[in-house]
Amino acid sequence: MALVAIMLWYIVIGVLAAIGTTTITRSQFSPRVEQVFFALLLIPVAGMYLTFIGYFGESWALGPELYAIAVFVVLALLGLRLPAALILGYALHGAWDLVHEVSTRMGSAAAGARQFSDIPLAYGAFCAAYDWLVAGYFVTRRSARRP
């Protein structure tokens, strides 16, 4: 029951963070600059997994994480010009976060079977909520970015 409460709390925090970020960027940036901001934000967000590898000492997970980070960097760079790549990048990153969350919570019982790095409790839930709301926001803002 406590885990469910923590997960829900972090989902709410992710939703509020996404609302706050999109509200501020929408009011302060032009649609084009806002797109660049979120594209460049995707790179360090994906890179956070390197921090977790270092913190939890799971060097065995470096290979798969680097491949995933490379995919997100490519999508972010494409997202500088193509909003669809940015939408795809945030949507896939949210899914990647949930895979880590489930792998971490389920993997503690069978540590040898895990294929992904550990993450802090509820980080995946928070990040998935944030990522998916940002992706949804960019879907709704597509008309504002058209010339």
C-alpha atoms as a PDB file:
ATOM      1  CA  MET A   1       0.000   0.000   0.000  1.00  0.00           C
ATOM      2  CA  ALA A   2       2.829   2.391   0.828  1.00  0.00           C
ATOM      3  CA  LEU A   3       4.490   1.753  -2.551  1.00  0.00           C
ATOM      4  CA  VAL A   4       1.235   2.608  -4.349  1.00  0.00           C
ATOM      5  CA  ALA A   5       0.930   5.842  -2.359  1.00  0.00           C
ATOM      6  CA  ILE A   6       4.529   6.794  -3.143  1.00  0.00           C
ATOM      7  CA  MET A   7       4.059   6.018  -6.842  1.00  0.00           C
ATOM      8  CA  LEU A   8       0.869   8.087  -7.009  1.00  0.00           C
ATOM      9  CA  TRP A   9       2.569  10.957  -5.212  1.00  0.00           C
ATOM     10  CA  TYR A  10       5.459  10.955  -7.693  1.00  0.00           C
ATOM     11  CA  ILE A  11       3.058  10.772 -10.641  1.00  0.00           C
ATOM     12  CA  VAL A  12       1.296  13.870  -9.299  1.00  0.00           C
ATOM     13  CA  ILE A  13       4.661  15.617  -8.896  1.00  0.00           C
ATOM     14  CA  GLY A  14       5.569  14.663 -12.490  1.00  0.00           C
ATOM     15  CA  VAL A  15       2.269  16.048 -13.771  1.00  0.00           C
ATOM     16  CA  LEU A  16       2.733  19.296 -11.836  1.00  0.00           C
ATOM     17  CA  ALA A  17       6.337  19.628 -13.030  1.00  0.00           C
ATOM     18  CA  ALA A  18       5.240  19.175 -16.646  1.00  0.00           C
ATOM     19  CA  ILE A  19       2.436  21.699 -16.249  1.00  0.00           C
ATOM     20  CA  GLY A  20       4.848  24.165 -14.677  1.00  0.00           C
ATOM     21  CA  THR A  21       7.551  23.694 -17.290  1.00  0.00           C
ATOM     22  CA  THR A  22       5.206  23.966 -20.248  1.00  0.00           C
ATOM     23  CA  THR A  23       3.389  26.963 -18.769  1.00  0.00           C
ATOM     24  CA  ILE A  24       6.631  28.862 -18.176  1.00  0.00           C
ATOM     25  CA  THR A  25       8.175  28.005 -21.527  1.00  0.00           C
ATOM     26  CA  ARG A  26       4.975  28.835 -23.391  1.00  0.00           C
ATOM     27  CA  SER A  27       4.821  32.272 -21.768  1.00  0.00           C
ATOM     28  CA  GLN A  28       8.540  33.079 -22.094  1.00  0.00           C
ATOM     29  CA  PHE A  29       9.600  31.518 -25.407  1.00  0.00           C
ATOM     30  CA  SER A  30       8.430  31.623 -28.975  1.00  0.00           C
ATOM     31  CA  PRO A  31       7.176  28.248 -30.256  1.00  0.00           C
ATOM     32  CA  ARG A  32      10.473  27.702 -32.089  1.00  0.00           C
ATOM     33  CA  VAL A  33      12.663  28.473 -29.047  1.00  0.00           C
ATOM     34  CA  GLU A  34      10.384  26.336 -26.902  1.00  0.00           C
ATOM     35  CA  GLN A  35      10.921  23.413 -29.284  1.00  0.00           C
ATOM     36  CA  VAL A  36      14.699  23.884 -29.078  1.00  0.00           C
ATOM     37  CA  PHE A  37      14.537  24.081 -25.271  1.00  0.00           C
ATOM     38  CA  PHE A  38      12.649  20.802 -24.931  1.00  0.00           C
ATOM     39  CA  ALA A  39      14.814  19.095 -27.549  1.00  0.00           C
ATOM     40  CA  LEU A  40      17.968  20.023 -25.666  1.00  0.00           C
ATOM     41  CA  LEU A  41      16.357  19.083 -22.331  1.00  0.00           C
ATOM     42  CA  LEU A  42      15.806  15.521 -23.561  1.00  0.00           C
ATOM     43  CA  ILE A  43      19.576  14.932 -23.739  1.00  0.00           C
ATOM     44  CA  PRO A  44      20.454  15.412 -20.039  1.00  0.00           C
ATOM     45  CA  VAL A  45      17.183  13.743 -19.009  1.00  0.00           C
ATOM     46  CA  ALA A  46      18.269  10.610 -20.893  1.00  0.00           C
ATOM     47  CA  GLY A  47      21.793  10.968 -19.525  1.00  0.00           C
ATOM     48  CA  MET A  48      20.532  10.702 -15.942  1.00  0.00           C
ATOM     49  CA  TYR A  49      20.788   6.941 -16.268  1.00  0.00           C
ATOM     50  CA  LEU A  50      24.580   7.253 -16.349  1.00  0.00           C
ATOM     51  CA  THR A  51      24.342   8.880 -12.929  1.00  0.00           C
ATOM     52  CA  PHE A  52      22.307   5.965 -11.626  1.00  0.00           C
ATOM     53  CA  ILE A  53      24.820   3.455 -13.004  1.00  0.00           C
ATOM     54  CA  GLY A  54      27.585   5.260 -11.158  1.00  0.00           C
ATOM     55  CA  TYR A  55      25.616   5.643  -7.944  1.00  0.00           C
ATOM     56  CA  PHE A  56      24.423   2.045  -7.779  1.00  0.00           C
ATOM     57  CA  GLY A  57      27.740   0.677  -9.111  1.00  0.00           C
ATOM     58  CA  GLU A  58      26.178  -1.293 -11.938  1.00  0.00           C
ATOM     59  CA  SER A  59      28.824  -1.079 -14.638  1.00  0.00           C
ATOM     60  CA  TRP A  60      27.298  -4.149 -16.335  1.00  0.00           C
ATOM     61  CA  ALA A  61      24.348  -1.927 -17.377  1.00  0.00           C
ATOM     62  CA  LEU A  62      26.521   0.644 -19.144  1.00  0.00           C
ATOM     63  CA  GLY A  63      26.200  -0.906 -22.631  1.00  0.00           C
ATOM     64  CA  PRO A  64      22.396  -1.056 -22.870  1.00  0.00           C
ATOM     65  CA  GLU A  65      22.047   2.388 -21.278  1.00  0.00           C
ATOM     66  CA  LEU A  66      24.530   3.977 -23.690  1.00  0.00           C
ATOM     67  CA  TYR A  67      22.619   2.557 -26.665  1.00  0.00           C
ATOM     68  CA  ALA A  68      19.364   3.945 -25.306  1.00  0.00           C
ATOM     69  CA  ILE A  69      20.926   7.325 -24.558  1.00  0.00           C
ATOM     70  CA  ALA A  70      22.281   7.441 -28.113  1.00  0.00           C
ATOM     71  CA  VAL A  71      18.773   6.856 -29.477  1.00  0.00           C
ATOM     72  CA  PHE A  72      17.389   9.672 -27.314  1.00  0.00           C
ATOM     73  CA  VAL A  73      20.199  12.037 -28.337  1.00  0.00           C
ATOM     74  CA  VAL A  74      19.465  11.344 -32.013  1.00  0.00           C
ATOM     75  CA  LEU A  75      15.732  11.936 -31.433  1.00  0.00           C
ATOM     76  CA  ALA A  76      16.520  15.139 -29.519  1.00  0.00           C
ATOM     77  CA  LEU A  77      18.751  16.448 -32.297  1.00  0.00           C
ATOM     78  CA  LEU A  78      16.128  15.564 -34.892  1.00  0.00           C
ATOM     79  CA  GLY A  79      13.591  17.240 -32.603  1.00  0.00           C
ATOM     80  CA  LEU A  80      15.425  20.536 -33.028  1.00  0.00           C
ATOM     81  CA  ARG A  81      13.830  20.652 -36.497  1.00  0.00           C
ATOM     82  CA  LEU A  82      11.036  18.069 -36.413  1.00  0.00           C
ATOM     83  CA  PRO A  83       8.421  18.255 -33.655  1.00  0.00           C
ATOM     84  CA  ALA A  84       7.354  14.683 -34.446  1.00  0.00           C
ATOM     85  CA  ALA A  85      10.825  13.425 -33.436  1.00  0.00           C
ATOM     86  CA  LEU A  86      10.527  15.350 -30.182  1.00  0.00           C
ATOM     87  CA  ILE A  87       7.109  13.844 -29.492  1.00  0.00           C
ATOM     88  CA  LEU A  88       8.473  10.370 -30.233  1.00  0.00           C
ATOM     89  CA  GLY A  89      11.535  10.999 -28.068  1.00  0.00           C
ATOM     90  CA  TYR A  90       9.546  12.019 -24.996  1.00  0.00           C
ATOM     91  CA  ALA A  91       6.975   9.258 -25.489  1.00  0.00           C
ATOM     92  CA  LEU A  92       9.683   6.592 -25.789  1.00  0.00           C
ATOM     93  CA  HIS A  93      11.644   8.014 -22.871  1.00  0.00           C
ATOM     94  CA  GLY A  94       8.548   7.754 -20.679  1.00  0.00           C
ATOM     95  CA  ALA A  95       8.226   4.102 -21.662  1.00  0.00           C
ATOM     96  CA  TRP A  96      11.950   3.570 -20.977  1.00  0.00           C
ATOM     97  CA  ASP A  97      11.450   5.037 -17.499  1.00  0.00           C
ATOM     98  CA  LEU A  98       8.597   2.645 -16.762  1.00  0.00           C
ATOM     99  CA  VAL A  99      10.624  -0.326 -17.973  1.00  0.00           C
ATOM    100  CA  HIS A 100      13.314   0.672 -15.486  1.00  0.00           C
ATOM    101  CA  GLU A 101      10.767   1.145 -12.692  1.00  0.00           C
ATOM    102  CA  VAL A 102       9.248  -2.287 -13.218  1.00  0.00           C
ATOM    103  CA  SER A 103      12.659  -3.895 -13.710  1.00  0.00           C
ATOM    104  CA  THR A 104      13.994  -2.328 -10.514  1.00  0.00           C
ATOM    105  CA  ARG A 105      10.967  -3.207  -8.369  1.00  0.00           C
ATOM    106  CA  MET A 106      10.549  -6.733  -9.777  1.00  0.00           C
ATOM    107  CA  GLY A 107      14.270  -7.318 -10.227  1.00  0.00           C
ATOM    108  CA  SER A 108      15.142  -7.026  -6.551  1.00  0.00           C
ATOM    109  CA  ALA A 109      13.821 -10.553  -6.094  1.00  0.00           C
ATOM    110  CA  ALA A 110      15.839 -11.915  -9.021  1.00  0.00           C
ATOM    111  CA  ALA A 111      18.827  -9.593  -9.335  1.00  0.00           C
ATOM    112  CA  GLY A 112      20.643 -11.887 -11.742  1.00  0.00           C
ATOM    113  CA  ALA A 113      17.803 -11.675 -14.290  1.00  0.00           C
ATOM    114  CA  ARG A 114      17.752  -7.851 -14.474  1.00  0.00           C
ATOM    115  CA  GLN A 115      18.959  -6.143 -17.620  1.00  0.00           C
ATOM    116  CA  PHE A 116      18.571  -2.477 -16.667  1.00  0.00           C
ATOM    117  CA  SER A 117      20.192  -0.200 -14.123  1.00  0.00           C
ATOM    118  CA  ASP A 118      18.559   0.574 -10.806  1.00  0.00           C
ATOM    119  CA  ILE A 119      16.758   3.870 -10.350  1.00  0.00           C
ATOM    120  CA  PRO A 120      15.592   5.664  -7.212  1.00  0.00           C
ATOM    121  CA  LEU A 121      12.178   4.676  -5.886  1.00  0.00           C
ATOM    122  CA  ALA A 122       9.365   6.107  -8.048  1.00  0.00           C
ATOM    123  CA  TYR A 123      11.741   7.975 -10.380  1.00  0.00           C
ATOM    124  CA  GLY A 124      10.319   6.038 -13.330  1.00  0.00           C
ATOM    125  CA  ALA A 125       6.746   6.939 -12.398  1.00  0.00           C
ATOM    126  CA  PHE A 126       7.643  10.619 -12.003  1.00  0.00           C
ATOM    127  CA  CYS A 127       9.617  10.770 -15.237  1.00  0.00           C
ATOM    128  CA  ALA A 128       7.045   8.836 -17.287  1.00  0.00           C
ATOM    129  CA  ALA A 129       4.298  11.214 -16.173  1.00  0.00           C
ATOM    130  CA  TYR A 130       6.477  14.214 -17.027  1.00  0.00           C
ATOM    131  CA  ASP A 131       7.632  12.829 -20.380  1.00  0.00           C
ATOM    132  CA  TRP A 132       4.186  11.771 -21.553  1.00  0.00           C
ATOM    133  CA  LEU A 133       2.640  15.109 -20.642  1.00  0.00           C
ATOM    134  CA  VAL A 134       5.391  16.962 -22.512  1.00  0.00           C
ATOM    135  CA  ALA A 135       4.824  14.687 -25.530  1.00  0.00           C
ATOM    136  CA  GLY A 136       1.081  15.384 -25.315  1.00  0.00           C
ATOM    137  CA  TYR A 137       1.740  19.096 -24.986  1.00  0.00           C
ATOM    138  CA  PHE A 138       3.775  19.063 -28.199  1.00  0.00           C
ATOM    139  CA  VAL A 139       0.994  17.213 -29.984  1.00  0.00           C
ATOM    140  CA  THR A 140      -1.403  20.012 -29.016  1.00  0.00           C
ATOM    141  CA  ARG A 141       1.105  22.731 -29.941  1.00  0.00           C
ATOM    142  CA  ARG A 142       1.814  21.453 -33.455  1.00  0.00           C
ATOM    143  CA  SER A 143      -0.433  24.074 -35.032  1.00  0.00           C
ATOM    144  CA  ALA A 144       1.436  26.882 -33.245  1.00  0.00           C
ATOM    145  CA  ARG A 145       4.713  25.746 -34.814  1.00  0.00           C
ATOM    146  CA  ARG A 146       3.463  25.685 -38.388  1.00  0.00           C
ATOM    147  CA  PRO A 147       4.657  28.623 -40.519  1.00  0.00           C
END
